[in-house]
Amino acid sequence: MSKLKTLSGREIIKIFLLFGFNVAAQKGSHIKLLRIQKDRTRQTLTIPNHFEIDKGTLKAIYRQALRYISDEELKPHFYN
């Protein structure tokens, strides 16, 4: 079974920038990422900008991102 990587908030944001998300806003240590599709649907993710993201939080971010990005594309960025 694959092992979840240890990632920082900045590393996660860089991953989602590759998928067309942009930084939309920041409130405290949380950064909101936004991607607008051709049909004008808005896709948002909120990422804590911490030095190291807890494993449970990382899994939650991964699951949320699966609504917008396929597992095959996303998995190499989050799992070894």
Protein backbone atom coordinates (compact mmCIF):
# COMPACT_ATOMS: atom_id res chain seq x y z
CA MET A 1 0.00 0.00 0.00
CA SER A 2 1.18 3.51 -0.74
CA LYS A 3 2.28 5.78 2.07
CA LEU A 4 1.03 9.33 2.44
CA LYS A 5 3.79 11.90 1.94
CA THR A 6 4.65 14.57 4.49
CA LEU A 7 3.75 17.88 2.86
CA SER A 8 3.67 21.53 3.86
CA GLY A 9 0.93 23.96 2.96
CA ARG A 10 3.16 25.61 0.35
CA GLU A 11 3.89 22.25 -1.29
CA ILE A 12 0.19 21.43 -1.49
CA ILE A 13 -0.56 24.83 -3.03
CA LYS A 14 2.13 24.24 -5.68
CA ILE A 15 0.52 20.90 -6.52
CA PHE A 16 -2.87 22.50 -7.10
CA LEU A 17 -1.36 25.34 -9.12
CA LEU A 18 -0.27 22.63 -11.58
CA PHE A 19 -3.93 21.67 -11.98
CA GLY A 20 -5.05 25.21 -12.84
CA PHE A 21 -6.05 26.48 -9.40
CA ASN A 22 -5.14 30.05 -8.42
CA VAL A 23 -4.77 31.68 -5.02
CA ALA A 24 -8.01 33.60 -4.49
CA ALA A 25 -7.79 34.78 -0.88
CA GLN A 26 -6.07 34.30 2.44
CA LYS A 27 -7.49 34.65 5.91
CA GLY A 28 -5.00 34.02 8.66
CA SER A 29 -3.05 30.90 7.82
CA HIS A 30 -5.67 29.46 5.46
CA ILE A 31 -5.40 30.01 1.72
CA LYS A 32 -8.38 29.63 -0.60
CA LEU A 33 -7.66 28.21 -4.04
CA LEU A 34 -10.09 28.73 -6.91
CA ARG A 35 -10.49 27.23 -10.37
CA ILE A 36 -13.24 28.37 -12.73
CA GLN A 37 -14.27 25.87 -15.39
CA LYS A 38 -15.34 26.74 -18.95
CA ASP A 39 -18.99 26.29 -17.95
CA ARG A 40 -18.38 28.91 -15.21
CA THR A 41 -18.56 26.43 -12.32
CA ARG A 42 -16.33 27.43 -9.43
CA GLN A 43 -14.13 24.86 -7.74
CA THR A 44 -12.62 25.88 -4.39
CA LEU A 45 -10.23 24.30 -1.94
CA THR A 46 -8.99 25.72 1.36
CA ILE A 47 -5.45 24.82 2.40
CA PRO A 48 -3.85 25.59 5.78
CA ASN A 49 -0.48 27.23 5.17
CA HIS A 50 1.35 25.31 7.89
CA PHE A 51 4.93 24.04 7.94
CA GLU A 52 3.71 20.43 8.12
CA ILE A 53 0.13 19.32 7.49
CA ASP A 54 -1.27 16.63 9.84
CA LYS A 55 -1.96 13.30 8.14
CA GLY A 56 -5.70 13.49 8.81
CA THR A 57 -5.91 16.99 7.35
CA LEU A 58 -3.87 15.89 4.35
CA LYS A 59 -6.26 12.97 3.73
CA ALA A 60 -9.22 15.35 3.98
CA ILE A 61 -7.67 17.74 1.44
CA TYR A 62 -6.99 14.79 -0.87
CA ARG A 63 -10.59 13.57 -0.61
CA GLN A 64 -11.95 17.06 -1.29
CA ALA A 65 -9.70 17.45 -4.32
CA LEU A 66 -10.99 14.16 -5.74
CA ARG A 67 -14.25 15.99 -6.49
CA TYR A 68 -12.36 17.99 -9.13
CA ILE A 69 -9.27 15.95 -10.09
CA SER A 70 -9.05 12.26 -10.94
CA ASP A 71 -7.37 9.87 -8.51
CA GLU A 72 -4.84 8.79 -11.16
CA GLU A 73 -3.64 12.39 -11.62
CA LEU A 74 -3.65 13.35 -7.95
CA LYS A 75 -2.28 10.25 -6.22
CA PRO A 76 1.39 10.59 -7.34
CA HIS A 77 1.55 14.01 -5.68
CA PHE A 78 0.24 12.81 -2.30
CA TYR A 79 1.41 9.20 -2.01
CA ASN A 80 4.77 7.44 -2.37
